[in-house]
Structures are given as C-alpha cells and as structure tokens.
Amino acid sequence: MNRPTTSTPVATSQVTAPATAPASGAAPVLSSQTVLQGRSQVAIEHNGAVYRLQTTRQGKLILTK
C-alpha cells in the first residue's frame, strides 16, 4: 500500500459545524464533503500512524492503515 509522504492539515476555519448541534456528550457530526474537501482520499494522522480515508465508486467510505 502506498502511504502519502505529506499530509494536508485541515484548518479549523475550514471545518463547518453541523446544521444542528449534537446533544450534550454526543460526538459532533462532520459531512464527508467537509472532511474530503472535493478529494477522493485524505490522509489522517492518529497516534503517530497515518490512515487513509477514501471514497469508492459506489460512494462508500473506506478507512485503511
């Protein structure tokens, strides 16, 4: 598997809040369009590991390490 050599951080100003605020203690909801920003895949760094979030031709999401 090819790992991205660079990652593009998402600036806080680029993340939009959901239309309605989640209930207290609930996880916030982000649209996939907000996370992907028009791309078919993005790299996500988590605890020192790089994961890849990508869309399929059928419109589903895949998260791989």
N, C-alpha and C. Protein backbone atom coordinates (compact mmCIF):
# COMPACT_ATOMS: atom_id res chain seq x y z
N MET A 1 0.84 -1.17 0.00
CA MET A 1 0.00 0.00 0.00
C MET A 1 0.88 1.23 0.00
N ASN A 2 0.51 2.22 -0.78
CA ASN A 2 1.28 3.46 -0.83
C ASN A 2 0.81 4.38 0.28
N ARG A 3 1.76 4.83 1.07
CA ARG A 3 1.44 5.80 2.12
C ARG A 3 1.76 7.18 1.61
N PRO A 4 0.92 8.16 1.91
CA PRO A 4 1.22 9.52 1.48
C PRO A 4 2.48 10.02 2.18
N THR A 5 3.29 10.76 1.43
CA THR A 5 4.52 11.28 2.01
C THR A 5 4.28 12.59 2.74
N THR A 6 3.22 13.28 2.38
CA THR A 6 2.88 14.51 3.08
C THR A 6 1.40 14.48 3.39
N SER A 7 1.03 15.23 4.38
CA SER A 7 -0.39 15.34 4.69
C SER A 7 -0.77 16.81 4.68
N THR A 8 -2.02 17.06 4.38
CA THR A 8 -2.52 18.41 4.37
C THR A 8 -3.43 18.59 5.58
N PRO A 9 -2.99 19.35 6.57
CA PRO A 9 -3.84 19.54 7.73
C PRO A 9 -5.09 20.34 7.38
N VAL A 10 -6.16 20.08 8.04
CA VAL A 10 -7.39 20.83 7.84
C VAL A 10 -7.42 21.95 8.86
N ALA A 11 -7.46 23.16 8.38
CA ALA A 11 -7.52 24.31 9.28
C ALA A 11 -8.87 24.33 9.97
N THR A 12 -8.88 24.79 11.20
CA THR A 12 -10.12 24.83 11.96
C THR A 12 -11.18 25.65 11.25
N SER A 13 -10.78 26.70 10.56
CA SER A 13 -11.75 27.55 9.87
C SER A 13 -12.40 26.83 8.70
N GLN A 14 -11.81 25.73 8.21
CA GLN A 14 -12.38 25.00 7.08
C GLN A 14 -13.44 24.00 7.52
N VAL A 15 -13.50 23.66 8.78
CA VAL A 15 -14.47 22.69 9.27
C VAL A 15 -15.72 23.44 9.69
N THR A 16 -16.85 23.05 9.10
CA THR A 16 -18.09 23.73 9.42
C THR A 16 -18.88 22.93 10.43
N ALA A 17 -19.61 23.62 11.24
CA ALA A 17 -20.44 22.98 12.26
C ALA A 17 -21.64 22.33 11.60
N PRO A 18 -22.17 21.27 12.19
CA PRO A 18 -23.37 20.65 11.64
C PRO A 18 -24.56 21.61 11.74
N ALA A 19 -25.60 21.33 10.95
CA ALA A 19 -26.76 22.21 10.93
C ALA A 19 -27.39 22.32 12.32
N THR A 20 -27.40 21.22 13.05
CA THR A 20 -27.92 21.26 14.42
C THR A 20 -26.83 20.75 15.35
N ALA A 21 -26.72 21.36 16.49
CA ALA A 21 -25.70 20.95 17.46
C ALA A 21 -26.06 19.58 18.04
N PRO A 22 -25.07 18.70 18.21
CA PRO A 22 -25.37 17.40 18.81
C PRO A 22 -25.75 17.54 20.27
N ALA A 23 -26.45 16.55 20.77
CA ALA A 23 -26.84 16.55 22.18
C ALA A 23 -25.59 16.56 23.05
N SER A 24 -25.72 17.06 24.25
CA SER A 24 -24.59 17.12 25.17
C SER A 24 -23.95 15.75 25.31
N GLY A 25 -22.64 15.67 25.11
CA GLY A 25 -21.91 14.42 25.24
C GLY A 25 -21.89 13.59 23.96
N ALA A 26 -22.68 13.96 22.96
CA ALA A 26 -22.70 13.22 21.70
C ALA A 26 -21.53 13.67 20.83
N ALA A 27 -21.07 12.78 19.97
CA ALA A 27 -19.98 13.11 19.05
C ALA A 27 -20.48 14.10 18.00
N PRO A 28 -19.64 15.08 17.62
CA PRO A 28 -20.04 16.01 16.57
C PRO A 28 -20.16 15.27 15.23
N VAL A 29 -21.00 15.81 14.35
CA VAL A 29 -21.21 15.20 13.04
C VAL A 29 -20.55 16.08 11.99
N LEU A 30 -19.64 15.51 11.20
CA LEU A 30 -19.00 16.20 10.08
C LEU A 30 -19.43 15.52 8.80
N SER A 31 -19.73 16.28 7.77
CA SER A 31 -20.07 15.67 6.49
C SER A 31 -18.79 15.17 5.82
N SER A 32 -18.90 14.12 5.05
CA SER A 32 -17.73 13.60 4.34
C SER A 32 -17.20 14.63 3.35
N GLN A 33 -18.09 15.46 2.80
CA GLN A 33 -17.63 16.51 1.88
C GLN A 33 -16.74 17.51 2.59
N THR A 34 -17.03 17.79 3.85
CA THR A 34 -16.20 18.71 4.63
C THR A 34 -14.83 18.10 4.88
N VAL A 35 -14.79 16.82 5.22
CA VAL A 35 -13.52 16.16 5.52
C VAL A 35 -12.70 15.98 4.25
N LEU A 36 -13.32 15.54 3.17
CA LEU A 36 -12.58 15.24 1.94
C LEU A 36 -12.29 16.48 1.11
N GLN A 37 -13.06 17.53 1.24
CA GLN A 37 -12.86 18.80 0.52
C GLN A 37 -12.70 18.59 -0.98
N GLY A 38 -13.56 17.78 -1.58
CA GLY A 38 -13.53 17.58 -3.03
C GLY A 38 -12.54 16.53 -3.51
N ARG A 39 -11.76 15.96 -2.62
CA ARG A 39 -10.79 14.93 -3.00
C ARG A 39 -11.42 13.55 -2.88
N SER A 40 -10.81 12.55 -3.49
CA SER A 40 -11.31 11.18 -3.35
C SER A 40 -10.66 10.49 -2.16
N GLN A 41 -9.58 11.06 -1.62
CA GLN A 41 -8.95 10.48 -0.43
C GLN A 41 -8.15 11.53 0.33
N VAL A 42 -8.03 11.31 1.64
CA VAL A 42 -7.23 12.16 2.50
C VAL A 42 -6.45 11.29 3.46
N ALA A 43 -5.33 11.81 3.94
CA ALA A 43 -4.53 11.12 4.95
C ALA A 43 -4.89 11.69 6.31
N ILE A 44 -5.01 10.80 7.29
CA ILE A 44 -5.34 11.20 8.65
C ILE A 44 -4.26 10.64 9.57
N GLU A 45 -3.58 11.51 10.30
CA GLU A 45 -2.58 11.06 11.26
C GLU A 45 -3.24 10.88 12.61
N HIS A 46 -3.01 9.71 13.22
CA HIS A 46 -3.61 9.40 14.53
C HIS A 46 -2.61 8.59 15.34
N ASN A 47 -2.21 9.11 16.47
CA ASN A 47 -1.26 8.44 17.37
C ASN A 47 0.00 7.98 16.65
N GLY A 48 0.52 8.81 15.77
CA GLY A 48 1.76 8.51 15.07
C GLY A 48 1.61 7.62 13.85
N ALA A 49 0.41 7.13 13.56
CA ALA A 49 0.18 6.30 12.37
C ALA A 49 -0.62 7.11 11.37
N VAL A 50 -0.39 6.83 10.08
CA VAL A 50 -1.12 7.51 9.02
C VAL A 50 -2.18 6.57 8.46
N TYR A 51 -3.41 7.03 8.44
CA TYR A 51 -4.54 6.29 7.89
C TYR A 51 -5.00 6.99 6.61
N ARG A 52 -5.65 6.24 5.73
CA ARG A 52 -6.18 6.82 4.50
C ARG A 52 -7.69 6.65 4.48
N LEU A 53 -8.41 7.74 4.32
CA LEU A 53 -9.86 7.72 4.17
C LEU A 53 -10.14 7.98 2.70
N GLN A 54 -10.85 7.05 2.06
CA GLN A 54 -11.12 7.21 0.63
C GLN A 54 -12.55 6.84 0.30
N THR A 55 -13.04 7.38 -0.80
CA THR A 55 -14.38 7.05 -1.27
C THR A 55 -14.27 6.00 -2.38
N THR A 56 -15.28 5.16 -2.47
CA THR A 56 -15.34 4.15 -3.54
C THR A 56 -16.21 4.69 -4.68
N ARG A 57 -16.20 3.96 -5.78
CA ARG A 57 -17.06 4.36 -6.91
C ARG A 57 -18.54 4.26 -6.55
N GLN A 58 -18.85 3.42 -5.57
CA GLN A 58 -20.24 3.27 -5.13
C GLN A 58 -20.63 4.32 -4.09
N GLY A 59 -19.69 5.20 -3.73
CA GLY A 59 -19.99 6.27 -2.78
C GLY A 59 -19.84 5.88 -1.33
N LYS A 60 -19.18 4.77 -1.07
CA LYS A 60 -18.93 4.33 0.31
C LYS A 60 -17.57 4.85 0.77
N LEU A 61 -17.33 4.78 2.07
CA LEU A 61 -16.05 5.21 2.64
C LEU A 61 -15.24 4.02 3.12
N ILE A 62 -13.93 4.10 2.92
CA ILE A 62 -13.00 3.06 3.41
C ILE A 62 -11.90 3.76 4.18
N LEU A 63 -11.61 3.24 5.38
CA LEU A 63 -10.51 3.76 6.21
C LEU A 63 -9.49 2.64 6.34
N THR A 64 -8.26 2.87 5.87
CA THR A 64 -7.21 1.86 5.94
C THR A 64 -5.98 2.44 6.61
N LYS A 65 -5.18 1.55 7.20
CA LYS A 65 -3.95 1.97 7.86
C LYS A 65 -2.78 1.76 6.91
